[in-house]
């Protein structure tokens, strides 16, 4: 398994050889723990998934355990992330200015439409990371999004909005990494079709998820324009398909998310135009 950050060839640390191997290995284990099921992972699981020798993985796990970044489940041989990771995550969220500026806008949208609101960014593997989620008062069934969790970008509204705002060819990267797989019959996973979809999003200014990631869940999303380095965040309105017909998604809701994204940009002094 490639070490985290190995694809960031333009980063100063990689170019100048400043990366520390032990730290990179610890990050590999943390990533394996982060993506493990709720029951945690055994040492053998972590060794297999990280590509580290079992003895090396054990030594790193002991160190992570001592620092609170990992912990062994009581009465078990399985490991999970430690509570200190939650503290780091919370500190990260508190330091993001646009999240704090977006919250009043998201709250107003939830009050107006009474559907679920999301704020999200992309990680270095082009996965969606949810920074905020405001739940609807309506019953929505099972929606997998949670603050701090990841989701595929190419079949979610916020993810497609963010992919469309990039200057490079994210579809080529997703294809190279083997990420383009089908979640539902509606998932767009052919590279040519996905590129055409992203071009439609650039033209319209909003992205739709028509049950492409989760059956029965639809959403409309817009990238927050004019922030540094393109559009690092997007927001969405999501809900069950029976309450979100395409006419509503492409009409009133699309107008609402585009206006809200521009408002968030304005609250932090960003340019009103999306940089492409």
Protein backbone atom coordinates (compact mmCIF):
# COMPACT_ATOMS: atom_id res chain seq x y z
CA UNK A 1 0.00 0.00 0.00
CA UNK A 2 1.48 3.40 -0.92
CA UNK A 3 2.29 5.62 1.99
CA UNK A 4 -0.20 8.47 2.64
CA UNK A 5 0.83 11.56 0.77
CA UNK A 6 2.98 9.63 -1.73
CA UNK A 7 0.82 10.94 -4.57
CA UNK A 8 1.38 14.55 -3.55
CA UNK A 9 4.48 14.84 -5.68
CA UNK A 10 4.34 18.63 -5.69
CA UNK A 11 4.53 18.98 -1.91
CA UNK A 12 7.66 20.58 -0.52
CA UNK A 13 8.27 17.81 2.00
CA UNK A 14 8.18 15.08 -0.65
CA UNK A 15 10.25 17.06 -3.14
CA UNK A 16 12.95 17.89 -0.63
CA UNK A 17 12.97 14.50 1.13
CA UNK A 18 11.80 15.78 4.52
CA UNK A 19 9.19 13.07 5.19
CA UNK A 20 9.85 10.95 8.29
CA UNK A 21 9.33 7.25 7.63
CA UNK A 22 8.17 6.40 11.15
CA UNK A 23 5.53 9.14 11.04
CA UNK A 24 4.34 7.98 7.62
CA UNK A 25 3.97 4.44 8.96
CA UNK A 26 1.99 5.67 11.96
CA UNK A 27 -0.32 7.57 9.60
CA UNK A 28 -0.80 4.37 7.56
CA UNK A 29 -2.00 2.57 10.68
CA UNK A 30 -4.26 5.45 11.72
CA UNK A 31 -5.80 5.43 8.24
CA UNK A 32 -6.36 1.67 8.49
CA UNK A 33 -8.01 2.15 11.89
CA UNK A 34 -10.15 5.01 10.56
CA UNK A 35 -11.54 2.88 7.76
CA UNK A 36 -12.09 -0.23 9.89
CA UNK A 37 -15.56 -1.46 10.79
CA UNK A 38 -17.13 -0.41 14.09
CA UNK A 39 -15.72 -3.53 15.77
CA UNK A 40 -12.15 -2.35 15.20
CA UNK A 41 -9.31 -4.32 13.61
CA UNK A 42 -6.86 -6.97 14.73
CA UNK A 43 -3.10 -6.55 14.54
CA UNK A 44 -3.05 -8.95 11.59
CA UNK A 45 -5.77 -6.93 9.81
CA UNK A 46 -3.80 -3.74 10.30
CA UNK A 47 -0.56 -5.33 9.16
CA UNK A 48 -2.22 -6.64 6.00
CA UNK A 49 -4.00 -3.40 5.16
CA UNK A 50 -1.04 -1.10 5.86
CA UNK A 51 1.60 -3.30 4.26
CA UNK A 52 3.70 -3.12 7.42
CA UNK A 53 5.38 -6.09 9.00
CA UNK A 54 3.41 -7.38 11.97
CA UNK A 55 6.22 -6.56 14.43
CA UNK A 56 6.52 -3.00 13.10
CA UNK A 57 2.76 -2.52 13.23
CA UNK A 58 2.71 -3.73 16.83
CA UNK A 59 5.45 -1.33 17.96
CA UNK A 60 3.68 1.61 16.31
CA UNK A 61 0.32 0.58 17.80
CA UNK A 62 1.85 0.48 21.28
CA UNK A 63 3.14 4.02 20.78
CA UNK A 64 -0.23 5.22 19.43
CA UNK A 65 -1.91 3.59 22.41
CA UNK A 66 0.40 5.38 24.85
CA UNK A 67 -0.45 8.74 23.24
CA UNK A 68 -4.20 8.11 23.17
CA UNK A 69 -4.40 8.01 19.37
CA UNK A 70 -5.30 4.30 19.37
CA UNK A 71 -6.69 1.91 21.95
CA UNK A 72 -7.31 -1.79 22.35
CA UNK A 73 -10.92 -2.75 22.93
CA UNK A 74 -11.41 -4.13 26.46
CA UNK A 75 -11.26 -7.93 26.56
CA UNK A 76 -10.40 -8.10 22.88
CA UNK A 77 -7.44 -8.31 20.53
CA UNK A 78 -8.93 -5.62 18.30
CA UNK A 79 -7.86 -1.98 18.08
CA UNK A 80 -9.71 1.23 17.27
CA UNK A 81 -8.95 4.94 17.11
CA UNK A 82 -8.35 6.53 20.49
CA UNK A 83 -10.34 9.34 22.03
CA UNK A 84 -7.52 11.80 21.37
CA UNK A 85 -8.34 11.59 17.65
CA UNK A 86 -11.74 13.05 18.50
CA UNK A 87 -10.02 15.93 20.28
CA UNK A 88 -7.87 16.62 17.24
CA UNK A 89 -10.89 16.41 14.96
CA UNK A 90 -12.86 18.83 17.10
CA UNK A 91 -9.92 21.24 17.23
CA UNK A 92 -9.66 21.10 13.44
CA UNK A 93 -13.34 21.92 13.03
CA UNK A 94 -13.07 24.83 15.45
CA UNK A 95 -10.21 26.32 13.43
CA UNK A 96 -12.07 26.34 10.10
CA UNK A 97 -13.39 29.85 9.61
CA UNK A 98 -15.70 29.04 6.73
CA UNK A 99 -17.41 26.29 8.74
CA UNK A 100 -18.34 28.79 11.45
CA UNK A 101 -19.50 31.28 8.83
CA UNK A 102 -21.50 28.60 7.04
CA UNK A 103 -23.41 27.39 10.09
CA UNK A 104 -25.97 30.24 10.24
CA UNK A 105 -26.60 29.83 6.52
CA UNK A 106 -27.10 26.07 6.87
CA UNK A 107 -29.40 26.57 9.83
CA UNK A 108 -31.54 29.00 7.86
CA UNK A 109 -31.81 26.55 4.96
CA UNK A 110 -32.84 23.77 7.32
CA UNK A 111 -35.50 26.02 8.85
CA UNK A 112 -36.81 26.91 5.39
CA UNK A 113 -36.85 23.43 3.83
CA UNK A 114 -36.68 21.07 6.84
CA UNK A 115 -34.29 18.74 5.08
CA UNK A 116 -30.75 17.58 5.94
CA UNK A 117 -27.87 20.02 5.31
CA UNK A 118 -24.23 19.09 4.72
CA UNK A 119 -20.94 20.98 4.53
CA UNK A 120 -18.03 19.01 3.10
CA UNK A 121 -14.52 19.11 1.65
CA UNK A 122 -12.32 16.66 -0.31
CA UNK A 123 -9.38 14.79 1.17
CA UNK A 124 -6.16 13.93 -0.69
CA UNK A 125 -7.77 10.82 -2.18
CA UNK A 126 -10.68 12.89 -3.54
CA UNK A 127 -13.09 11.48 -0.98
CA UNK A 128 -15.76 13.64 0.60
CA UNK A 129 -15.19 14.47 4.27
CA UNK A 130 -18.24 15.83 6.09
CA UNK A 131 -17.45 18.86 8.25
CA UNK A 132 -21.03 19.55 9.32
CA UNK A 133 -24.42 17.88 9.17
CA UNK A 134 -27.70 19.39 10.30
CA UNK A 135 -30.42 16.75 10.45
CA UNK A 136 -33.96 17.27 9.26
CA UNK A 137 -36.83 17.04 11.74
CA UNK A 138 -38.53 14.76 9.19
CA UNK A 139 -37.92 11.04 9.11
CA UNK A 140 -35.28 10.35 6.44
CA UNK A 141 -34.53 6.68 7.03
CA UNK A 142 -30.89 5.64 7.05
CA UNK A 143 -28.51 8.26 5.69
CA UNK A 144 -24.87 7.23 6.01
CA UNK A 145 -23.32 10.69 6.25
CA UNK A 146 -21.77 11.63 9.60
CA UNK A 147 -19.44 14.46 10.64
CA UNK A 148 -15.89 13.23 10.11
CA UNK A 149 -16.86 10.33 7.88
CA UNK A 150 -15.86 9.98 4.27
CA UNK A 151 -17.87 9.14 1.16
CA UNK A 152 -17.03 8.75 -2.52
CA UNK A 153 -17.04 12.07 -4.35
CA UNK A 154 -18.13 11.04 -7.85
CA UNK A 155 -21.58 9.83 -6.74
CA UNK A 156 -22.49 12.39 -4.06
CA UNK A 157 -23.80 15.91 -4.63
CA UNK A 158 -21.16 17.72 -2.59
CA UNK A 159 -18.45 15.54 -4.06
CA UNK A 160 -19.41 16.17 -7.67
CA UNK A 161 -19.71 19.90 -7.00
CA UNK A 162 -16.15 19.87 -5.64
CA UNK A 163 -14.76 17.72 -8.44
CA UNK A 164 -16.30 20.08 -11.01
CA UNK A 165 -14.55 23.04 -9.35
CA UNK A 166 -11.07 21.55 -9.72
CA UNK A 167 -8.61 22.71 -12.38
CA UNK A 168 -7.11 19.25 -13.00
CA UNK A 169 -8.75 16.05 -14.31
CA UNK A 170 -10.05 14.37 -11.14
CA UNK A 171 -11.76 11.64 -13.16
CA UNK A 172 -8.37 10.42 -14.41
CA UNK A 173 -7.09 10.22 -10.84
CA UNK A 174 -10.18 8.36 -9.61
CA UNK A 175 -9.88 5.93 -12.51
CA UNK A 176 -6.16 5.41 -11.86
CA UNK A 177 -6.83 4.67 -8.18
CA UNK A 178 -9.61 2.20 -9.01
CA UNK A 179 -12.23 4.26 -7.18
CA UNK A 180 -14.97 4.31 -9.84
CA UNK A 181 -17.30 1.55 -8.74
CA UNK A 182 -21.08 1.26 -8.82
CA UNK A 183 -23.07 1.79 -5.60
CA UNK A 184 -26.57 1.87 -7.09
CA UNK A 185 -28.06 1.42 -10.58
CA UNK A 186 -27.89 5.23 -10.92
CA UNK A 187 -24.16 5.60 -10.16
CA UNK A 188 -22.20 7.36 -12.90
CA UNK A 189 -18.94 5.42 -13.01
CA UNK A 190 -17.90 5.50 -16.68
CA UNK A 191 -15.12 8.10 -17.05
CA UNK A 192 -16.57 9.73 -20.19
CA UNK A 193 -20.04 9.98 -18.64
CA UNK A 194 -18.61 11.37 -15.41
CA UNK A 195 -16.61 14.03 -17.27
CA UNK A 196 -19.77 15.06 -19.11
CA UNK A 197 -21.61 15.25 -15.79
CA UNK A 198 -18.93 17.49 -14.29
CA UNK A 199 -19.14 19.78 -17.31
CA UNK A 200 -22.91 20.09 -16.82
CA UNK A 201 -22.27 21.02 -13.20
CA UNK A 202 -19.81 23.74 -14.23
CA UNK A 203 -22.42 25.17 -16.59
CA UNK A 204 -25.38 25.03 -14.21
CA UNK A 205 -23.56 25.86 -10.98
CA UNK A 206 -25.07 22.99 -9.02
CA UNK A 207 -24.71 19.21 -8.71
CA UNK A 208 -27.35 16.54 -8.21
CA UNK A 209 -27.20 13.16 -6.54
CA UNK A 210 -30.17 11.19 -7.88
CA UNK A 211 -29.85 8.11 -5.67
CA UNK A 212 -26.33 7.55 -7.01
CA UNK A 213 -24.72 6.69 -3.66
CA UNK A 214 -27.58 5.61 -1.43
CA UNK A 215 -30.89 4.20 -2.69
CA UNK A 216 -33.76 6.50 -1.80
CA UNK A 217 -31.55 9.53 -1.02
CA UNK A 218 -31.29 12.58 -3.29
CA UNK A 219 -29.53 15.90 -2.89
CA UNK A 220 -28.54 19.11 -4.62
CA UNK A 221 -25.21 20.80 -3.89
CA UNK A 222 -23.12 23.81 -4.80
CA UNK A 223 -19.44 24.61 -4.32
CA UNK A 224 -18.60 27.65 -2.22
CA UNK A 225 -17.05 29.98 -4.81
CA UNK A 226 -13.95 32.11 -4.73
CA UNK A 227 -12.14 30.56 -1.78
CA UNK A 228 -8.35 30.11 -2.00
CA UNK A 229 -7.15 27.34 -4.35
CA UNK A 230 -10.50 26.95 -6.07
CA UNK A 231 -13.51 25.65 -4.13
CA UNK A 232 -12.40 23.70 -1.06
CA UNK A 233 -15.92 23.27 0.34
CA UNK A 234 -19.46 22.62 -0.81
CA UNK A 235 -22.87 22.51 0.82
CA UNK A 236 -25.94 20.45 0.03
CA UNK A 237 -29.60 19.87 0.83
CA UNK A 238 -30.42 16.15 1.04
CA UNK A 239 -33.52 14.10 1.70
CA UNK A 240 -35.60 11.09 0.66
CA UNK A 241 -36.44 10.75 -3.01
CA UNK A 242 -40.20 10.91 -2.40
CA UNK A 243 -39.84 14.44 -1.00
CA UNK A 244 -37.28 15.59 -3.57
CA UNK A 245 -38.57 15.28 -7.14
CA UNK A 246 -36.22 16.47 -9.88
CA UNK A 247 -38.40 19.49 -10.57
CA UNK A 248 -37.82 20.70 -7.00
CA UNK A 249 -34.13 19.79 -7.03
CA UNK A 250 -33.44 21.63 -10.31
CA UNK A 251 -35.64 24.55 -9.38
CA UNK A 252 -36.14 26.04 -5.94
CA UNK A 253 -33.55 23.93 -4.15
CA UNK A 254 -30.84 24.50 -6.76
CA UNK A 255 -31.43 28.24 -6.52
CA UNK A 256 -31.26 28.02 -2.72
CA UNK A 257 -27.95 26.14 -2.54
CA UNK A 258 -26.27 28.37 -5.11
CA UNK A 259 -27.40 31.47 -3.24
CA UNK A 260 -26.30 29.97 0.10
CA UNK A 261 -22.87 29.06 -1.26
CA UNK A 262 -22.37 32.61 -2.54
CA UNK A 263 -23.53 33.98 0.82
CA UNK A 264 -20.98 31.87 2.72
CA UNK A 265 -18.26 33.09 0.35
CA UNK A 266 -19.36 36.67 0.93
CA UNK A 267 -19.31 36.24 4.71
CA UNK A 268 -15.59 35.43 4.60
CA UNK A 269 -14.72 37.99 1.94
CA UNK A 270 -14.19 35.56 -0.93
CA UNK A 271 -14.64 36.41 -4.58
CA UNK A 272 -18.22 35.98 -5.87
CA UNK A 273 -17.03 33.92 -8.84
CA UNK A 274 -15.95 30.28 -8.85
CA UNK A 275 -12.32 29.94 -9.95
CA UNK A 276 -11.85 27.25 -12.58
